[in-house]
């Protein structure tokens, strides 16, 4: 006789809600007769399933019992990890190492157990937990456990726009030929550039989700945020925090930007308009922001104001962003390298130029995206190590708001706008109030920080106040997001 057949406790350990994950327990006991044999543990996968998680538990290691793990789907082999893993996962978009991502066919699946060793008189109970997530749950990211690389409030430095072999990234091969560039090289370059996080934003695809999931355990000091550059004939936009594909055929299957914006915001992701001031034409189709139909700009979370080295001039996105602010749209200014080539392993890299500095409560996807939504963001054009820019508005009545925050100031009340700049050389500081530039005197404190302030009197109306830092020639080096005054909630 083979091992006793597992008892299918078709117990729904999770909620019985139609969209909640279902967990099945497959239990049994291995005996000496299972030595160097395989067992198939069947379970049913319903239509609409988006992810299958499998966890094996047994306590026979002290008696030298060894159990290997594999998986068969309704159509055949899905993967094998042997004794290297106790937990595996497969979905349409990603899978554990040794397993194949792809469609989740409905029907009878089987957990495959191999038993390389179990002693003749030993009995080893086991439990296999199978969790089935719906496709809707996968798309919304509810199947994903939050990952926190650092659990502390700090300024985190990252790059929010980059491409690899999964779209149009390229680099030189070992023999010097131009080839599609492996994603791993870009991630290594990000580490060399001193970054804490990156968003990989391939054009209209999510084929990189599987690779990011497999790379993240190794890059345990670099947060990998899956993104997608929605690339249309009427503009480009990065979506940060994607879990599956998004519609992009604007003017065809997608009537306008608004359904996409609703889908993104409902999923907890964040959309940022890319390089809005670039010209659109044969050299770069759809690169500028030229929507054919009205867009609910209040639903847009951010704008890429610095793309690569374009911080100043007609191709900078600063003017577009400030126009949105003037119209009452509270968007966060960010930057992105738009890197398509990470550079040589021992040379300079465009990744992190510019760097986006985010003041977040943790180094996690959720915390970084939340801080971007809140406007706790600075753009460092040159990604200078240890750079920093703080801004706060101090009301004479004792109230205070920092960058990205809101302060109510009645008409006639005075306040002082303060900034602190940390940079290896002296820069000019200018405050920007509702689009008007106000140069100011810079003082250096005992710690080497550059400080400036501006007295300002409220008229009771809506205003935004922010700060820039520039070189002597006027070129932008650091850009800060606003403090908002009397801004409707």
Protein backbone atom coordinates (compact mmCIF):
# COMPACT_ATOMS: atom_id res chain seq x y z
CA UNK A 1 0.00 0.00 0.00
CA UNK A 2 1.09 3.53 -0.73
CA UNK A 3 0.69 6.30 1.81
CA UNK A 4 -2.82 6.88 2.92
CA UNK A 5 -4.65 9.26 0.58
CA UNK A 6 -4.74 12.86 1.82
CA UNK A 7 -7.90 14.05 3.40
CA UNK A 8 -9.24 17.00 1.39
CA UNK A 9 -10.57 19.27 4.07
CA UNK A 10 -12.27 21.55 1.60
CA UNK A 11 -12.35 24.01 4.44
CA UNK A 12 -12.51 27.57 3.32
CA UNK A 13 -10.14 28.97 5.89
CA UNK A 14 -10.55 32.47 4.53
CA UNK A 15 -13.73 34.46 4.15
CA UNK A 16 -16.62 32.99 2.22
CA UNK A 17 -17.00 36.25 0.30
CA UNK A 18 -17.07 35.67 -3.47
CA UNK A 19 -13.87 37.66 -3.91
CA UNK A 20 -11.97 36.37 -0.88
CA UNK A 21 -9.09 33.92 -1.11
CA UNK A 22 -10.00 30.27 -0.50
CA UNK A 23 -7.60 28.04 1.41
CA UNK A 24 -7.69 24.24 1.19
CA UNK A 25 -5.85 21.88 3.54
CA UNK A 26 -4.46 18.65 2.03
CA UNK A 27 -3.38 16.35 4.85
CA UNK A 28 -1.92 12.89 5.16
CA UNK A 29 0.85 10.78 6.69
CA UNK A 30 3.98 9.47 5.02
CA UNK A 31 5.32 6.03 6.01
CA UNK A 32 8.35 3.96 5.15
CA UNK A 33 6.48 2.54 2.15
CA UNK A 34 6.65 6.01 0.52
CA UNK A 35 10.45 5.94 0.45
CA UNK A 36 11.62 7.17 -3.01
CA UNK A 37 8.09 7.42 -4.39
CA UNK A 38 5.92 10.32 -5.58
CA UNK A 39 2.45 11.31 -4.36
CA UNK A 40 -0.13 13.39 -6.22
CA UNK A 41 -2.50 15.45 -4.05
CA UNK A 42 -5.44 16.64 -6.20
CA UNK A 43 -7.40 19.84 -5.67
CA UNK A 44 -9.89 21.82 -7.77
CA UNK A 45 -9.13 25.24 -9.25
CA UNK A 46 -12.25 27.20 -10.26
CA UNK A 47 -12.68 29.59 -13.17
CA UNK A 48 -11.38 33.10 -12.50
CA UNK A 49 -8.47 32.02 -10.30
CA UNK A 50 -5.47 34.33 -10.65
CA UNK A 51 -2.89 32.86 -8.28
CA UNK A 52 -2.19 29.53 -6.58
CA UNK A 53 -0.06 29.51 -3.41
CA UNK A 54 1.18 26.21 -1.95
CA UNK A 55 2.84 25.71 1.44
CA UNK A 56 4.16 22.34 2.66
CA UNK A 57 4.59 21.60 6.37
CA UNK A 58 5.96 18.49 8.03
CA UNK A 59 8.05 17.80 11.12
CA UNK A 60 10.03 14.77 10.05
CA UNK A 61 13.38 16.45 9.62
CA UNK A 62 14.65 15.19 13.00
CA UNK A 63 14.08 11.64 11.75
CA UNK A 64 15.71 12.44 8.38
CA UNK A 65 12.48 12.51 6.40
CA UNK A 66 12.95 14.52 3.20
CA UNK A 67 9.99 15.74 1.13
CA UNK A 68 10.30 17.46 -2.26
CA UNK A 69 7.68 19.78 -3.74
CA UNK A 70 6.27 20.23 -7.24
CA UNK A 71 3.05 21.26 -8.97
CA UNK A 72 0.93 20.01 -11.87
CA UNK A 73 -1.81 22.21 -13.32
CA UNK A 74 -4.91 21.03 -15.16
CA UNK A 75 -2.91 20.73 -18.37
CA UNK A 76 0.37 19.28 -17.11
CA UNK A 77 3.69 20.19 -15.51
CA UNK A 78 3.86 23.57 -13.78
CA UNK A 79 7.13 23.34 -11.85
CA UNK A 80 9.43 21.61 -9.41
CA UNK A 81 11.52 22.98 -6.57
CA UNK A 82 12.54 19.77 -4.84
CA UNK A 83 13.54 20.29 -1.25
CA UNK A 84 14.68 23.91 -1.77
CA UNK A 85 11.32 25.53 -0.95
CA UNK A 86 8.42 24.91 1.40
CA UNK A 87 6.29 27.68 -0.13
CA UNK A 88 5.71 28.33 -3.83
CA UNK A 89 3.39 30.54 -5.87
CA UNK A 90 2.27 30.71 -9.50
CA UNK A 91 0.16 33.31 -11.29
CA UNK A 92 -0.38 34.56 -14.80
CA UNK A 93 2.36 37.17 -14.34
CA UNK A 94 4.95 35.67 -11.99
CA UNK A 95 6.00 32.44 -10.31
CA UNK A 96 8.48 31.15 -7.79
CA UNK A 97 11.81 29.95 -9.11
CA UNK A 98 11.44 26.56 -10.78
CA UNK A 99 7.79 27.25 -11.70
CA UNK A 100 6.16 28.64 -14.83
CA UNK A 101 4.10 31.84 -14.84
CA UNK A 102 1.10 31.84 -17.13
CA UNK A 103 -2.62 31.29 -17.37
CA UNK A 104 -4.31 29.50 -14.48
CA UNK A 105 -6.51 26.86 -16.17
CA UNK A 106 -9.57 25.70 -14.29
CA UNK A 107 -9.81 22.04 -13.43
CA UNK A 108 -8.00 19.49 -11.32
CA UNK A 109 -4.50 20.50 -10.21
CA UNK A 110 -2.12 18.34 -8.16
CA UNK A 111 0.52 19.08 -5.61
CA UNK A 112 3.39 16.71 -6.35
CA UNK A 113 5.34 15.35 -3.36
CA UNK A 114 8.56 13.42 -3.81
CA UNK A 115 10.00 11.43 -0.91
CA UNK A 116 13.76 10.94 -1.36
CA UNK A 117 14.05 9.52 2.14
CA UNK A 118 11.88 8.26 4.97
CA UNK A 119 12.98 5.52 7.37
CA UNK A 120 11.17 2.20 7.38
CA UNK A 121 9.33 2.55 10.70
CA UNK A 122 8.83 6.33 10.63
CA UNK A 123 5.46 8.02 10.22
CA UNK A 124 5.54 11.68 9.14
CA UNK A 125 2.27 13.65 9.12
CA UNK A 126 2.19 16.46 6.57
CA UNK A 127 -0.07 19.36 5.71
CA UNK A 128 -0.22 21.12 2.36
CA UNK A 129 -2.01 24.45 2.40
CA UNK A 130 -3.32 25.64 -0.99
CA UNK A 131 -4.61 29.21 -1.30
CA UNK A 132 -6.57 30.23 -4.39
CA UNK A 133 -6.76 33.95 -5.23
CA UNK A 134 -9.21 35.34 -7.77
CA UNK A 135 -7.96 37.27 -10.78
CA UNK A 136 -9.61 40.42 -9.38
CA UNK A 137 -7.66 40.02 -6.15
CA UNK A 138 -4.40 39.62 -8.08
CA UNK A 139 -5.08 42.72 -10.19
CA UNK A 140 -5.81 44.69 -7.00
CA UNK A 141 -2.66 43.36 -5.31
CA UNK A 142 -4.48 41.71 -2.42
CA UNK A 143 -2.54 38.48 -2.99
CA UNK A 144 0.74 40.26 -2.29
CA UNK A 145 2.25 40.46 1.18
CA UNK A 146 3.57 43.97 1.92
CA UNK A 147 7.36 44.07 1.79
CA UNK A 148 9.20 46.46 4.14
CA UNK A 149 12.96 46.73 3.62
CA UNK A 150 13.44 49.43 6.26
CA UNK A 151 10.88 50.23 8.92
CA UNK A 152 11.80 53.82 9.73
CA UNK A 153 10.82 57.31 8.63
CA UNK A 154 13.52 58.79 6.40
CA UNK A 155 14.27 60.42 3.07
CA UNK A 156 14.59 57.61 0.53
CA UNK A 157 16.34 58.15 -2.80
CA UNK A 158 15.12 56.55 -6.02
CA UNK A 159 14.57 56.55 -9.76
CA UNK A 160 10.97 56.40 -10.98
CA UNK A 161 11.47 55.82 -14.72
CA UNK A 162 13.62 53.14 -16.40
CA UNK A 163 13.51 50.51 -19.15
CA UNK A 164 15.21 47.19 -19.84
CA UNK A 165 15.03 44.23 -22.21
CA UNK A 166 11.31 43.99 -21.43
CA UNK A 167 10.70 47.00 -23.68
CA UNK A 168 13.30 49.10 -25.49
CA UNK A 169 16.30 49.08 -23.12
CA UNK A 170 19.60 48.25 -24.81
CA UNK A 171 23.29 48.05 -23.99
CA UNK A 172 26.56 46.58 -25.28
CA UNK A 173 27.09 42.82 -25.15
CA UNK A 174 30.35 41.19 -24.09
CA UNK A 175 31.57 41.53 -27.67
CA UNK A 176 30.39 45.11 -27.99
CA UNK A 177 27.20 44.46 -29.92
CA UNK A 178 24.03 46.41 -29.22
CA UNK A 179 21.57 44.01 -27.55
CA UNK A 180 18.43 44.11 -25.42
CA UNK A 181 19.74 44.92 -21.96
CA UNK A 182 19.12 42.51 -19.07
CA UNK A 183 17.11 44.03 -16.22
CA UNK A 184 19.64 42.79 -13.67
CA UNK A 185 22.26 45.22 -15.00
CA UNK A 186 19.96 48.20 -14.40
CA UNK A 187 19.28 47.07 -10.83
CA UNK A 188 22.99 46.68 -10.14
CA UNK A 189 23.57 50.17 -11.56
CA UNK A 190 20.90 51.55 -9.23
CA UNK A 191 22.78 50.09 -6.28
CA UNK A 192 26.03 51.67 -7.47
CA UNK A 193 24.20 54.99 -7.76
CA UNK A 194 23.25 54.85 -4.09
CA UNK A 195 19.51 54.44 -4.63
CA UNK A 196 17.03 52.99 -2.15
CA UNK A 197 14.25 52.23 -4.66
CA UNK A 198 13.54 52.04 -8.36
CA UNK A 199 10.38 51.78 -10.43
CA UNK A 200 10.82 49.65 -13.54
CA UNK A 201 8.37 51.11 -16.06
CA UNK A 202 8.31 49.14 -19.29
CA UNK A 203 6.23 50.33 -22.25
CA UNK A 204 2.68 48.87 -22.15
CA UNK A 205 3.79 45.52 -20.72
CA UNK A 206 4.14 43.77 -17.40
CA UNK A 207 6.43 40.93 -18.54
CA UNK A 208 9.00 42.20 -16.03
CA UNK A 209 6.82 41.45 -12.99
CA UNK A 210 8.11 37.88 -12.82
CA UNK A 211 11.74 38.97 -12.96
CA UNK A 212 11.25 41.68 -10.33
CA UNK A 213 9.61 39.18 -7.96
CA UNK A 214 12.55 36.80 -8.35
CA UNK A 215 15.20 39.54 -8.02
CA UNK A 216 13.73 41.24 -4.93
CA UNK A 217 15.02 38.72 -2.35
CA UNK A 218 18.59 39.29 -3.55
CA UNK A 219 18.20 43.08 -3.70
CA UNK A 220 17.22 43.30 -0.05
CA UNK A 221 18.37 46.93 0.26
CA UNK A 222 16.84 48.14 -3.02
CA UNK A 223 13.04 48.27 -3.23
CA UNK A 224 11.80 47.16 -6.65
CA UNK A 225 8.50 48.83 -7.57
CA UNK A 226 6.74 47.31 -10.59
CA UNK A 227 5.55 49.97 -12.98
CA UNK A 228 4.31 50.45 -16.51
CA UNK A 229 4.75 53.35 -18.90
CA UNK A 230 1.35 53.67 -20.54
CA UNK A 231 2.55 54.75 -23.97
CA UNK A 232 -0.13 56.23 -26.20
CA UNK A 233 -0.32 58.47 -29.26
CA UNK A 234 -1.65 61.23 -26.98
CA UNK A 235 0.91 61.17 -24.19
CA UNK A 236 2.83 58.88 -21.86
CA UNK A 237 2.20 58.21 -18.18
CA UNK A 238 3.94 56.02 -15.63
CA UNK A 239 1.80 53.88 -13.34
CA UNK A 240 3.60 52.84 -10.15
CA UNK A 241 2.50 49.75 -8.24
CA UNK A 242 0.98 47.69 -11.06
CA UNK A 243 -0.07 44.09 -10.43
CA UNK A 244 -1.26 43.20 -13.92
CA UNK A 245 -1.87 44.62 -17.40
CA UNK A 246 -3.53 47.97 -18.04
CA UNK A 247 -5.40 49.25 -21.12
CA UNK A 248 -3.28 51.52 -23.32
CA UNK A 249 -4.91 51.62 -26.79
CA UNK A 250 -6.16 55.16 -26.40
CA UNK A 251 -8.63 56.14 -29.10
CA UNK A 252 -9.30 52.47 -29.85
CA UNK A 253 -10.35 50.18 -27.00
CA UNK A 254 -9.75 53.01 -24.47
CA UNK A 255 -12.01 55.99 -25.25
CA UNK A 256 -10.01 58.50 -23.17
CA UNK A 257 -7.68 58.68 -20.18
CA UNK A 258 -10.42 58.76 -17.54
CA UNK A 259 -11.34 55.03 -17.32
CA UNK A 260 -7.65 54.22 -16.91
CA UNK A 261 -7.28 56.83 -14.18
CA UNK A 262 -10.23 55.33 -12.29
CA UNK A 263 -8.82 51.82 -12.61
CA UNK A 264 -5.38 52.92 -11.42
CA UNK A 265 -6.65 54.87 -8.42
CA UNK A 266 -9.08 52.15 -7.37
CA UNK A 267 -6.24 49.61 -7.35
CA UNK A 268 -4.00 51.67 -5.07
CA UNK A 269 -1.50 52.41 -7.83
CA UNK A 270 -0.42 55.93 -8.80
CA UNK A 271 -0.30 57.61 -12.23
CA UNK A 272 2.22 60.27 -13.20
CA UNK A 273 2.26 62.18 -16.49
CA UNK A 274 5.64 61.75 -18.18
CA UNK A 275 7.71 64.45 -19.93
CA UNK A 276 4.61 66.56 -20.73
CA UNK A 277 6.52 69.31 -22.56
CA UNK A 278 8.35 67.07 -25.04
CA UNK A 279 7.34 67.61 -28.67
CA UNK A 280 5.30 64.86 -30.29
CA UNK A 281 6.19 63.89 -33.85
CA UNK A 282 8.03 61.41 -35.97
CA UNK A 283 11.07 61.51 -33.68
CA UNK A 284 8.99 60.69 -30.61
CA UNK A 285 5.39 59.71 -31.28
CA UNK A 286 3.05 60.73 -28.49
CA UNK A 287 5.83 61.88 -26.15
CA UNK A 288 4.16 65.18 -25.26
CA UNK A 289 0.92 65.45 -23.30
CA UNK A 290 -1.72 65.97 -26.04
CA UNK A 291 -4.99 64.29 -24.95
CA UNK A 292 -7.71 64.53 -27.59
CA UNK A 293 -10.52 64.51 -25.01
CA UNK A 294 -10.86 66.17 -21.58
CA UNK A 295 -8.97 64.49 -18.75
CA UNK A 296 -9.94 64.53 -15.08
CA UNK A 297 -6.64 66.07 -14.02
CA UNK A 298 -7.72 65.98 -10.37
CA UNK A 299 -7.28 62.20 -10.61
CA UNK A 300 -3.63 62.52 -11.71
CA UNK A 301 -1.26 61.97 -8.80
CA UNK A 302 2.04 63.29 -10.10
CA UNK A 303 3.95 64.90 -12.97
CA UNK A 304 7.47 64.07 -14.14
CA UNK A 305 8.95 67.58 -14.11
CA UNK A 306 12.54 66.48 -14.74
CA UNK A 307 13.06 63.78 -17.35
CA UNK A 308 16.70 62.70 -17.67
CA UNK A 309 18.78 65.90 -17.84
CA UNK A 310 15.91 68.15 -18.96
CA UNK A 311 15.50 70.23 -15.81
CA UNK A 312 15.40 73.64 -17.50
CA UNK A 313 14.27 75.06 -20.80
CA UNK A 314 11.27 74.37 -23.03
CA UNK A 315 11.41 70.58 -22.51
CA UNK A 316 11.27 70.77 -18.74
CA UNK A 317 7.96 69.74 -17.20
CA UNK A 318 8.11 72.40 -14.47
CA UNK A 319 6.01 74.92 -16.41
CA UNK A 320 3.28 72.37 -17.14
CA UNK A 321 3.19 71.31 -13.49
CA UNK A 322 2.99 74.86 -12.16
CA UNK A 323 0.11 75.59 -14.54
CA UNK A 324 -1.77 72.68 -12.95
CA UNK A 325 -1.05 74.06 -9.49
CA UNK A 326 -2.34 77.47 -10.52
CA UNK A 327 -5.58 75.83 -11.62
CA UNK A 328 -6.02 74.23 -8.21
CA UNK A 329 -4.78 70.74 -9.10
CA UNK A 330 -2.61 69.36 -6.34
CA UNK A 331 -0.08 67.15 -8.13
CA UNK A 332 3.32 66.03 -6.91
CA UNK A 333 6.44 66.89 -8.91
CA UNK A 334 8.78 63.93 -9.42
CA UNK A 335 11.75 63.06 -11.64
CA UNK A 336 12.90 60.06 -13.62
CA UNK A 337 15.99 59.14 -15.60
CA UNK A 338 14.03 57.41 -18.40
CA UNK A 339 17.12 55.22 -18.64
CA UNK A 340 17.30 52.83 -21.58
CA UNK A 341 20.92 51.83 -20.95
CA UNK A 342 22.42 51.31 -17.48
CA UNK A 343 25.96 52.02 -18.70
CA UNK A 344 29.07 49.90 -18.27
CA UNK A 345 29.47 47.96 -15.03
CA UNK A 346 32.61 49.94 -14.14
CA UNK A 347 31.54 53.30 -15.55
CA UNK A 348 28.99 56.08 -15.10
CA UNK A 349 25.28 55.36 -15.36
CA UNK A 350 22.29 57.57 -16.24
CA UNK A 351 20.18 55.75 -13.65
CA UNK A 352 19.31 58.04 -10.76
CA UNK A 353 19.78 61.19 -12.85
CA UNK A 354 17.65 62.79 -11.60
CA UNK A 355 16.96 61.19 -8.25
CA UNK A 356 13.58 61.54 -6.58
CA UNK A 357 13.86 61.91 -2.80
CA UNK A 358 10.77 60.75 -0.92
CA UNK A 359 10.14 61.32 2.79
CA UNK A 360 8.32 58.11 3.70
CA UNK A 361 7.49 56.23 6.88
CA UNK A 362 9.23 53.09 5.58
CA UNK A 363 11.05 51.68 2.60
CA UNK A 364 8.07 49.83 1.16
CA UNK A 365 5.91 50.14 -1.92
CA UNK A 366 2.93 51.32 0.12
CA UNK A 367 4.89 53.94 2.08
CA UNK A 368 6.74 55.32 -0.95
CA UNK A 369 3.56 55.71 -3.01
CA UNK A 370 1.71 57.25 -0.05
CA UNK A 371 4.47 59.83 0.44
CA UNK A 372 4.43 60.71 -3.26
CA UNK A 373 0.67 61.25 -3.11
CA UNK A 374 1.20 63.52 -0.09
CA UNK A 375 3.81 65.63 -1.89
CA UNK A 376 6.69 64.76 0.44
CA UNK A 377 9.09 64.79 -2.50
CA UNK A 378 12.25 66.58 -3.68
CA UNK A 379 13.94 66.21 -7.07
CA UNK A 380 17.76 66.16 -7.06
CA UNK A 381 18.86 66.73 -10.66
CA UNK A 382 22.39 65.38 -10.14
CA UNK A 383 21.74 62.73 -7.46
CA UNK A 384 24.31 64.22 -5.13
CA UNK A 385 25.12 61.98 -2.17
CA UNK A 386 23.64 63.20 1.13
CA UNK A 387 21.79 66.09 -0.55
CA UNK A 388 18.61 67.28 1.08
CA UNK A 389 16.02 70.03 0.89
CA UNK A 390 13.49 70.82 3.61
CA UNK A 391 10.66 73.37 3.50
CA UNK A 392 8.19 74.48 6.13
CA UNK A 393 5.79 77.37 6.68
CA UNK A 394 5.58 78.69 10.25
CA UNK A 395 2.55 80.84 11.06
CA UNK A 396 3.02 83.65 13.55
CA UNK A 397 0.11 82.17 15.49
CA UNK A 398 2.12 78.94 16.01
CA UNK A 399 0.74 76.76 13.24
CA UNK A 400 3.17 74.92 10.95
CA UNK A 401 3.10 72.87 7.74
CA UNK A 402 5.91 71.05 5.96
CA UNK A 403 6.39 70.21 2.30
CA UNK A 404 3.26 68.57 0.90
CA UNK A 405 1.12 69.62 3.85
CA UNK A 406 -1.74 72.10 4.15
CA UNK A 407 -1.99 75.16 6.42
CA UNK A 408 -5.03 77.39 6.94
CA UNK A 409 -4.09 81.05 7.35
CA UNK A 410 -6.78 83.73 7.71
CA UNK A 411 -6.45 86.96 5.75
CA UNK A 412 -3.95 89.33 7.28
CA UNK A 413 -2.01 86.69 9.19
CA UNK A 414 1.76 86.60 8.69
CA UNK A 415 3.94 83.52 8.33
CA UNK A 416 7.56 82.71 7.57
CA UNK A 417 8.62 80.29 4.87
CA UNK A 418 11.81 78.45 5.87
CA UNK A 419 14.12 76.17 3.92
CA UNK A 420 17.23 74.15 4.71
CA UNK A 421 19.47 72.92 1.90
CA UNK A 422 22.20 70.32 2.33
CA UNK A 423 24.55 70.33 -0.65
CA UNK A 424 28.33 70.08 -1.10
CA UNK A 425 28.60 73.56 -2.64
CA UNK A 426 26.84 76.91 -2.29
CA UNK A 427 23.68 77.29 -4.33
CA UNK A 428 21.25 80.13 -4.89
CA UNK A 429 17.90 79.63 -3.21
CA UNK A 430 14.68 81.06 -4.57
CA UNK A 431 11.21 80.73 -3.18
CA UNK A 432 8.32 80.27 -5.59
CA UNK A 433 4.92 81.64 -4.54
CA UNK A 434 2.10 80.94 -7.00
CA UNK A 435 4.63 80.78 -9.82
CA UNK A 436 6.49 83.99 -8.93
CA UNK A 437 10.20 83.67 -8.11
CA UNK A 438 11.60 85.35 -4.99
CA UNK A 439 15.43 85.24 -4.71
CA UNK A 440 16.61 85.35 -1.11
CA UNK A 441 19.71 85.70 1.00
CA UNK A 442 21.38 82.40 1.96
CA UNK A 443 23.08 81.85 5.29
CA UNK A 444 25.23 78.86 6.29
CA UNK A 445 24.80 77.46 9.79
CA UNK A 446 27.39 75.75 12.00
CA UNK A 447 26.60 72.35 10.44
CA UNK A 448 27.19 73.59 6.91
CA UNK A 449 23.50 73.63 5.99
CA UNK A 450 22.32 76.49 3.79
CA UNK A 451 19.29 78.30 5.14
CA UNK A 452 16.91 80.98 3.90
CA UNK A 453 13.52 82.41 4.84
CA UNK A 454 10.76 84.59 3.42
CA UNK A 455 8.12 86.59 5.25
CA UNK A 456 4.69 86.18 3.72
CA UNK A 457 1.23 87.59 4.50
CA UNK A 458 -1.92 85.62 3.77
CA UNK A 459 -4.89 87.18 1.98
CA UNK A 460 -7.13 84.28 2.93
CA UNK A 461 -7.09 82.83 -0.59
CA UNK A 462 -5.59 79.60 -1.95
CA UNK A 463 -1.81 79.61 -2.48
CA UNK A 464 1.14 77.27 -2.99
CA UNK A 465 4.66 78.04 -1.84
CA UNK A 466 7.79 76.05 -2.67
CA UNK A 467 11.57 76.33 -3.13
CA UNK A 468 14.24 75.77 -5.80
CA UNK A 469 18.03 75.66 -5.49
CA UNK A 470 20.14 76.76 -8.47
CA UNK A 471 23.76 77.07 -9.50
CA UNK A 472 25.36 80.45 -10.11
CA UNK A 473 24.48 80.16 -13.80
CA UNK A 474 20.82 79.67 -12.93
CA UNK A 475 20.61 75.95 -13.73
CA UNK A 476 18.23 73.98 -11.51
CA UNK A 477 19.88 71.57 -9.08
CA UNK A 478 17.16 70.86 -6.46
CA UNK A 479 13.38 71.27 -6.70
CA UNK A 480 10.93 71.09 -3.83
CA UNK A 481 7.19 70.45 -3.75
CA UNK A 482 4.88 73.06 -2.20
CA UNK A 483 3.36 73.83 1.12
CA UNK A 484 -0.34 74.51 0.46
CA UNK A 485 -2.26 77.38 2.08
CA UNK A 486 -6.05 77.52 2.38
CA UNK A 487 -6.33 74.61 -0.03
CA UNK A 488 -9.73 72.93 -0.22
CA UNK A 489 -9.60 69.39 1.14
